[in-house]
Amino acid sequence: MRQILLSLFALPLMLSPIAAAAQDASYYHCENKRIRLNIPSMPLGKALEKFTAATRCPVSLDTQEVANTDVRLVSTFPVKGRILPAKALNKMLSSSPLKSRVIKGGYSIYMN
């Protein structure tokens, strides 16, 4: 399988104080339940950090799909309210050419 998944949030989380919790598999507990979110428009890298911290859903990039795009600088659409994580991520990406799909235990971002 040639797809390589690259975590957008791995490096920032490794450098943060919550790194120990973030790297522990128990940190990631992605459920398809509504959650209250308030993530303003910001670069995708920062928005995904906030998304993962709030939902505990890991998000990765399909590097084959987005190889020529610096997706961390892509601006996201604001998300506010009580919403399912999948819908929130789709809404965040709605102002960009990027899309998300469900993968085991989280989400993957790819180029439309």
C-alpha atoms as a PDB file:
ATOM      1  CA  MET A   1       0.000   0.000   0.000  1.00  0.00           C
ATOM      2  CA  ARG A   2       1.601   3.214  -1.169  1.00  0.00           C
ATOM      3  CA  GLN A   3      -0.414   5.585   0.931  1.00  0.00           C
ATOM      4  CA  ILE A   4       1.590   7.188   3.679  1.00  0.00           C
ATOM      5  CA  LEU A   5      -0.281   8.962   6.414  1.00  0.00           C
ATOM      6  CA  LEU A   6       1.393  11.934   8.002  1.00  0.00           C
ATOM      7  CA  SER A   7      -0.001  13.306  11.191  1.00  0.00           C
ATOM      8  CA  LEU A   8      -0.519  17.061  11.128  1.00  0.00           C
ATOM      9  CA  PHE A   9      -0.638  17.379  14.862  1.00  0.00           C
ATOM     10  CA  ALA A  10       2.143  15.006  15.938  1.00  0.00           C
ATOM     11  CA  LEU A  11       4.996  17.524  16.062  1.00  0.00           C
ATOM     12  CA  PRO A  12       3.099  20.337  17.814  1.00  0.00           C
ATOM     13  CA  LEU A  13       1.745  17.885  20.384  1.00  0.00           C
ATOM     14  CA  MET A  14       5.182  16.395  21.001  1.00  0.00           C
ATOM     15  CA  LEU A  15       6.402  19.881  21.844  1.00  0.00           C
ATOM     16  CA  SER A  16       3.465  20.743  24.099  1.00  0.00           C
ATOM     17  CA  PRO A  17       2.914  19.989  27.787  1.00  0.00           C
ATOM     18  CA  ILE A  18       0.180  17.477  26.939  1.00  0.00           C
ATOM     19  CA  ALA A  19       2.568  15.412  24.846  1.00  0.00           C
ATOM     20  CA  ALA A  20       2.556  12.457  27.221  1.00  0.00           C
ATOM     21  CA  ALA A  21      -1.228  12.256  27.135  1.00  0.00           C
ATOM     22  CA  ALA A  22      -1.373  12.840  23.380  1.00  0.00           C
ATOM     23  CA  GLN A  23       1.009  10.011  22.572  1.00  0.00           C
ATOM     24  CA  ASP A  24      -0.764   7.552  24.846  1.00  0.00           C
ATOM     25  CA  ALA A  25      -3.269   5.496  22.840  1.00  0.00           C
ATOM     26  CA  SER A  26      -5.915   6.086  25.503  1.00  0.00           C
ATOM     27  CA  TYR A  27      -5.884   9.815  24.618  1.00  0.00           C
ATOM     28  CA  TYR A  28      -7.510   9.073  21.262  1.00  0.00           C
ATOM     29  CA  HIS A  29     -11.077   8.023  21.898  1.00  0.00           C
ATOM     30  CA  CYS A  30     -12.978   9.226  18.845  1.00  0.00           C
ATOM     31  CA  GLU A  31     -16.725   8.819  19.217  1.00  0.00           C
ATOM     32  CA  ASN A  32     -19.400   9.747  16.720  1.00  0.00           C
ATOM     33  CA  LYS A  33     -21.308  11.827  19.270  1.00  0.00           C
ATOM     34  CA  ARG A  34     -22.198  15.503  19.191  1.00  0.00           C
ATOM     35  CA  ILE A  35     -19.691  17.701  20.968  1.00  0.00           C
ATOM     36  CA  ARG A  36     -19.667  21.426  21.659  1.00  0.00           C
ATOM     37  CA  LEU A  37     -17.015  23.108  19.501  1.00  0.00           C
ATOM     38  CA  ASN A  38     -15.895  26.681  19.022  1.00  0.00           C
ATOM     39  CA  ILE A  39     -13.034  26.715  16.527  1.00  0.00           C
ATOM     40  CA  PRO A  40     -12.599  30.038  14.698  1.00  0.00           C
ATOM     41  CA  SER A  41     -11.185  30.387  11.194  1.00  0.00           C
ATOM     42  CA  MET A  42      -7.426  29.805  11.348  1.00  0.00           C
ATOM     43  CA  PRO A  43      -4.660  27.916   9.518  1.00  0.00           C
ATOM     44  CA  LEU A  44      -5.497  24.221   9.180  1.00  0.00           C
ATOM     45  CA  GLY A  45      -2.588  23.023  11.319  1.00  0.00           C
ATOM     46  CA  LYS A  46      -3.755  25.006  14.351  1.00  0.00           C
ATOM     47  CA  ALA A  47      -7.430  24.211  13.682  1.00  0.00           C
ATOM     48  CA  LEU A  48      -6.687  20.472  13.643  1.00  0.00           C
ATOM     49  CA  GLU A  49      -4.823  20.770  16.946  1.00  0.00           C
ATOM     50  CA  LYS A  50      -7.930  22.352  18.483  1.00  0.00           C
ATOM     51  CA  PHE A  51     -10.209  19.812  16.785  1.00  0.00           C
ATOM     52  CA  THR A  52      -8.181  16.863  18.110  1.00  0.00           C
ATOM     53  CA  ALA A  53      -7.956  18.324  21.613  1.00  0.00           C
ATOM     54  CA  ALA A  54     -11.743  18.829  21.731  1.00  0.00           C
ATOM     55  CA  THR A  55     -12.895  15.609  20.027  1.00  0.00           C
ATOM     56  CA  ARG A  56      -9.964  13.283  20.825  1.00  0.00           C
ATOM     57  CA  CYS A  57     -10.164  12.172  17.173  1.00  0.00           C
ATOM     58  CA  PRO A  58      -6.829  11.821  15.344  1.00  0.00           C
ATOM     59  CA  VAL A  59      -6.602  13.428  11.905  1.00  0.00           C
ATOM     60  CA  SER A  60      -3.971  12.472   9.333  1.00  0.00           C
ATOM     61  CA  LEU A  61      -3.031  13.623   5.849  1.00  0.00           C
ATOM     62  CA  ASP A  62      -2.895  11.413   2.817  1.00  0.00           C
ATOM     63  CA  THR A  63       0.480  12.707   1.606  1.00  0.00           C
ATOM     64  CA  GLN A  64       0.063  11.261  -1.890  1.00  0.00           C
ATOM     65  CA  GLU A  65      -3.119  13.287  -2.314  1.00  0.00           C
ATOM     66  CA  VAL A  66      -1.855  16.609  -0.928  1.00  0.00           C
ATOM     67  CA  ALA A  67       1.854  16.366  -1.821  1.00  0.00           C
ATOM     68  CA  ASN A  68       2.126  19.732  -3.598  1.00  0.00           C
ATOM     69  CA  THR A  69       0.032  21.761  -1.151  1.00  0.00           C
ATOM     70  CA  ASP A  70       1.154  23.238   2.157  1.00  0.00           C
ATOM     71  CA  VAL A  71      -2.108  22.314   3.809  1.00  0.00           C
ATOM     72  CA  ARG A  72      -1.078  23.601   7.221  1.00  0.00           C
ATOM     73  CA  LEU A  73      -1.458  27.137   5.852  1.00  0.00           C
ATOM     74  CA  VAL A  74      -4.907  26.540   4.316  1.00  0.00           C
ATOM     75  CA  SER A  75      -7.491  28.651   6.125  1.00  0.00           C
ATOM     76  CA  THR A  76     -10.430  26.833   7.695  1.00  0.00           C
ATOM     77  CA  PHE A  77     -14.089  27.750   8.016  1.00  0.00           C
ATOM     78  CA  PRO A  78     -15.206  28.496  11.598  1.00  0.00           C
ATOM     79  CA  VAL A  79     -17.149  25.818  13.485  1.00  0.00           C
ATOM     80  CA  LYS A  80     -19.326  26.678  16.455  1.00  0.00           C
ATOM     81  CA  GLY A  81     -22.046  24.737  18.214  1.00  0.00           C
ATOM     82  CA  ARG A  82     -22.943  21.205  19.188  1.00  0.00           C
ATOM     83  CA  ILE A  83     -21.964  19.059  16.217  1.00  0.00           C
ATOM     84  CA  LEU A  84     -20.739  15.591  15.238  1.00  0.00           C
ATOM     85  CA  PRO A  85     -16.937  15.454  14.777  1.00  0.00           C
ATOM     86  CA  ALA A  86     -17.223  14.290  11.132  1.00  0.00           C
ATOM     87  CA  LYS A  87     -19.592  17.156  10.262  1.00  0.00           C
ATOM     88  CA  ALA A  88     -17.378  19.643  12.099  1.00  0.00           C
ATOM     89  CA  LEU A  89     -14.296  18.547  10.164  1.00  0.00           C
ATOM     90  CA  ASN A  90     -16.182  18.696   6.858  1.00  0.00           C
ATOM     91  CA  LYS A  91     -17.396  22.202   7.709  1.00  0.00           C
ATOM     92  CA  MET A  92     -13.877  23.314   8.660  1.00  0.00           C
ATOM     93  CA  LEU A  93     -12.607  22.121   5.266  1.00  0.00           C
ATOM     94  CA  SER A  94     -15.543  23.529   3.267  1.00  0.00           C
ATOM     95  CA  SER A  95     -13.655  26.695   2.293  1.00  0.00           C
ATOM     96  CA  SER A  96     -10.731  24.697   0.848  1.00  0.00           C
ATOM     97  CA  PRO A  97     -10.137  22.051  -1.832  1.00  0.00           C
ATOM     98  CA  LEU A  98      -9.561  19.500   0.937  1.00  0.00           C
ATOM     99  CA  LYS A  99     -12.003  16.790   2.036  1.00  0.00           C
ATOM    100  CA  SER A 100     -12.050  14.299   4.874  1.00  0.00           C
ATOM    101  CA  ARG A 101     -12.917  10.622   5.077  1.00  0.00           C
ATOM    102  CA  VAL A 102     -13.413   8.319   8.014  1.00  0.00           C
ATOM    103  CA  ILE A 103     -10.594   5.887   8.702  1.00  0.00           C
ATOM    104  CA  LYS A 104     -10.291   3.426  11.567  1.00  0.00           C
ATOM    105  CA  GLY A 105     -10.317   5.445  14.761  1.00  0.00           C
ATOM    106  CA  GLY A 106     -10.242   8.901  13.178  1.00  0.00           C
ATOM    107  CA  TYR A 107     -10.127  10.860   9.930  1.00  0.00           C
ATOM    108  CA  SER A 108      -7.888  11.356   6.903  1.00  0.00           C
ATOM    109  CA  ILE A 109      -7.648  14.543   4.861  1.00  0.00           C
ATOM    110  CA  TYR A 110      -7.205  14.350   1.104  1.00  0.00           C
ATOM    111  CA  MET A 111      -7.326  16.678  -1.908  1.00  0.00           C
ATOM    112  CA  ASN A 112     -10.640  16.852  -3.747  1.00  0.00           C
END
